[in-house]
């Protein structure tokens, strides 16, 4: 996971499955595999943890 901010992608820390940037300033709710509604930020945090654990960041 690259945390370099420089001057681009301000506030964006993840991308949803449909390539929509997810910002820390606009946490959203997305529909994931059927009726289960999850916060997209939950997936981003879990994914970041998995990437870190397996060295794929």
N, C-alpha and C. Protein backbone atom coordinates (compact mmCIF):
# COMPACT_ATOMS: atom_id res chain seq x y z
N UNK A 1 0.86 -1.16 0.00
CA UNK A 1 0.00 0.00 0.00
C UNK A 1 0.90 1.23 0.00
N UNK A 2 0.69 2.08 -0.95
CA UNK A 2 1.50 3.28 -1.07
C UNK A 2 0.76 4.44 -0.43
N UNK A 3 1.37 5.02 0.60
CA UNK A 3 0.72 6.12 1.30
C UNK A 3 1.26 7.48 0.87
N UNK A 4 2.08 7.50 -0.17
CA UNK A 4 2.61 8.77 -0.67
C UNK A 4 1.46 9.61 -1.21
N UNK A 5 1.37 10.85 -0.76
CA UNK A 5 0.23 11.68 -1.15
C UNK A 5 0.59 12.65 -2.26
N UNK A 6 1.81 13.22 -2.20
CA UNK A 6 2.22 14.23 -3.17
C UNK A 6 1.08 15.22 -3.40
N UNK A 7 0.66 15.40 -4.65
CA UNK A 7 -0.42 16.35 -4.92
C UNK A 7 -1.54 15.71 -5.74
N UNK A 8 -1.65 14.39 -5.69
CA UNK A 8 -2.70 13.73 -6.46
C UNK A 8 -3.51 12.79 -5.57
N UNK A 9 -4.72 12.50 -6.00
CA UNK A 9 -5.61 11.57 -5.30
C UNK A 9 -5.84 11.96 -3.85
N UNK A 10 -6.00 13.24 -3.60
CA UNK A 10 -6.18 13.71 -2.23
C UNK A 10 -7.45 13.12 -1.62
N UNK A 11 -7.30 12.43 -0.50
CA UNK A 11 -8.43 11.87 0.20
C UNK A 11 -8.88 10.51 -0.31
N UNK A 12 -8.31 10.03 -1.39
CA UNK A 12 -8.73 8.73 -1.94
C UNK A 12 -7.84 7.65 -1.36
N UNK A 13 -8.44 6.64 -0.74
CA UNK A 13 -7.62 5.58 -0.18
C UNK A 13 -7.97 4.21 -0.73
N UNK A 14 -8.98 4.12 -1.57
CA UNK A 14 -9.35 2.83 -2.13
C UNK A 14 -10.20 3.04 -3.37
N UNK A 15 -10.39 1.95 -4.10
CA UNK A 15 -11.24 1.98 -5.29
C UNK A 15 -12.25 0.85 -5.14
N UNK A 16 -13.52 1.16 -5.36
CA UNK A 16 -14.57 0.15 -5.25
C UNK A 16 -14.50 -0.81 -6.43
N UNK A 17 -15.20 -1.94 -6.37
CA UNK A 17 -15.16 -2.92 -7.47
C UNK A 17 -15.54 -2.34 -8.83
N UNK A 18 -16.29 -1.26 -8.87
CA UNK A 18 -16.65 -0.67 -10.16
C UNK A 18 -15.77 0.54 -10.48
N UNK A 19 -14.55 0.56 -9.91
CA UNK A 19 -13.52 1.58 -10.17
C UNK A 19 -13.92 2.99 -9.76
N UNK A 20 -14.76 3.12 -8.76
CA UNK A 20 -15.11 4.43 -8.21
C UNK A 20 -14.18 4.73 -7.04
N UNK A 21 -13.50 5.87 -7.06
CA UNK A 21 -12.61 6.20 -5.93
C UNK A 21 -13.41 6.34 -4.63
N UNK A 22 -12.88 5.81 -3.56
CA UNK A 22 -13.52 5.90 -2.25
C UNK A 22 -12.70 6.86 -1.41
N UNK A 23 -13.31 7.91 -0.95
CA UNK A 23 -12.60 8.95 -0.22
C UNK A 23 -12.88 8.83 1.27
N UNK A 24 -11.93 9.28 2.07
CA UNK A 24 -12.15 9.29 3.52
C UNK A 24 -13.20 10.33 3.89
N UNK A 25 -13.46 11.26 2.98
CA UNK A 25 -14.44 12.30 3.26
C UNK A 25 -15.84 11.90 2.84
N UNK A 26 -16.00 10.81 2.09
CA UNK A 26 -17.33 10.41 1.65
C UNK A 26 -17.51 8.90 1.76
N UNK A 27 -17.54 8.37 3.00
CA UNK A 27 -17.76 6.93 3.14
C UNK A 27 -19.12 6.55 2.59
N UNK A 28 -19.17 5.51 1.80
CA UNK A 28 -20.43 5.15 1.16
C UNK A 28 -20.88 3.77 1.54
N UNK A 29 -22.03 3.42 1.05
CA UNK A 29 -22.58 2.09 1.25
C UNK A 29 -22.75 1.47 -0.12
N UNK A 30 -22.30 0.25 -0.26
CA UNK A 30 -22.45 -0.41 -1.56
C UNK A 30 -23.12 -1.76 -1.37
N UNK A 31 -23.73 -2.23 -2.41
CA UNK A 31 -24.40 -3.52 -2.40
C UNK A 31 -23.40 -4.58 -2.82
N UNK A 32 -23.17 -5.56 -1.96
CA UNK A 32 -22.17 -6.58 -2.23
C UNK A 32 -22.83 -7.95 -2.25
N UNK A 33 -22.75 -8.63 -3.37
CA UNK A 33 -23.25 -9.99 -3.56
C UNK A 33 -24.62 -10.24 -2.94
N UNK A 34 -25.62 -9.63 -3.51
CA UNK A 34 -26.99 -9.88 -3.06
C UNK A 34 -27.50 -8.83 -2.10
N UNK A 35 -28.30 -9.25 -1.14
CA UNK A 35 -28.97 -8.29 -0.26
C UNK A 35 -28.08 -7.72 0.85
N UNK A 36 -26.89 -8.27 1.03
CA UNK A 36 -26.04 -7.80 2.13
C UNK A 36 -25.46 -6.43 1.80
N UNK A 37 -25.78 -5.46 2.61
CA UNK A 37 -25.25 -4.11 2.40
C UNK A 37 -24.08 -3.91 3.35
N UNK A 38 -22.96 -3.54 2.79
CA UNK A 38 -21.74 -3.34 3.58
C UNK A 38 -21.18 -1.96 3.28
N UNK A 39 -20.44 -1.43 4.22
CA UNK A 39 -19.74 -0.17 3.96
C UNK A 39 -18.51 -0.49 3.13
N UNK A 40 -18.30 0.26 2.06
CA UNK A 40 -17.15 0.00 1.20
C UNK A 40 -15.84 0.21 1.94
N UNK A 41 -15.86 1.04 2.96
CA UNK A 41 -14.63 1.28 3.71
C UNK A 41 -14.21 0.03 4.48
N UNK A 42 -15.16 -0.81 4.90
CA UNK A 42 -14.81 -2.05 5.60
C UNK A 42 -13.98 -2.93 4.69
N UNK A 43 -14.42 -3.09 3.45
CA UNK A 43 -13.69 -3.92 2.50
C UNK A 43 -12.30 -3.36 2.27
N UNK A 44 -12.19 -2.05 2.14
CA UNK A 44 -10.90 -1.42 1.87
C UNK A 44 -9.92 -1.69 3.01
N UNK A 45 -10.39 -1.60 4.24
CA UNK A 45 -9.51 -1.82 5.39
C UNK A 45 -9.08 -3.28 5.45
N UNK A 46 -10.00 -4.20 5.24
CA UNK A 46 -9.66 -5.63 5.26
C UNK A 46 -8.69 -5.95 4.13
N UNK A 47 -8.96 -5.42 2.94
CA UNK A 47 -8.10 -5.67 1.79
C UNK A 47 -6.69 -5.14 2.04
N UNK A 48 -6.59 -3.96 2.63
CA UNK A 48 -5.28 -3.38 2.92
C UNK A 48 -4.52 -4.28 3.90
N UNK A 49 -5.22 -4.82 4.89
CA UNK A 49 -4.59 -5.72 5.85
C UNK A 49 -4.10 -7.00 5.21
N UNK A 50 -4.89 -7.57 4.32
CA UNK A 50 -4.51 -8.80 3.62
C UNK A 50 -3.31 -8.52 2.72
N UNK A 51 -3.35 -7.42 2.00
CA UNK A 51 -2.23 -7.06 1.13
C UNK A 51 -0.95 -6.89 1.94
N UNK A 52 -1.05 -6.26 3.10
CA UNK A 52 0.13 -6.06 3.95
C UNK A 52 0.67 -7.40 4.43
N UNK A 53 -0.21 -8.28 4.87
CA UNK A 53 0.21 -9.57 5.41
C UNK A 53 0.95 -10.40 4.38
N UNK A 54 0.48 -10.38 3.14
CA UNK A 54 1.08 -11.22 2.11
C UNK A 54 2.08 -10.47 1.24
N UNK A 55 2.38 -9.24 1.60
CA UNK A 55 3.41 -8.49 0.89
C UNK A 55 3.04 -8.07 -0.52
N UNK A 56 1.75 -7.84 -0.78
CA UNK A 56 1.32 -7.45 -2.12
C UNK A 56 0.83 -6.02 -2.15
N UNK A 57 1.49 -5.16 -1.41
CA UNK A 57 1.07 -3.76 -1.35
C UNK A 57 1.92 -2.90 -2.24
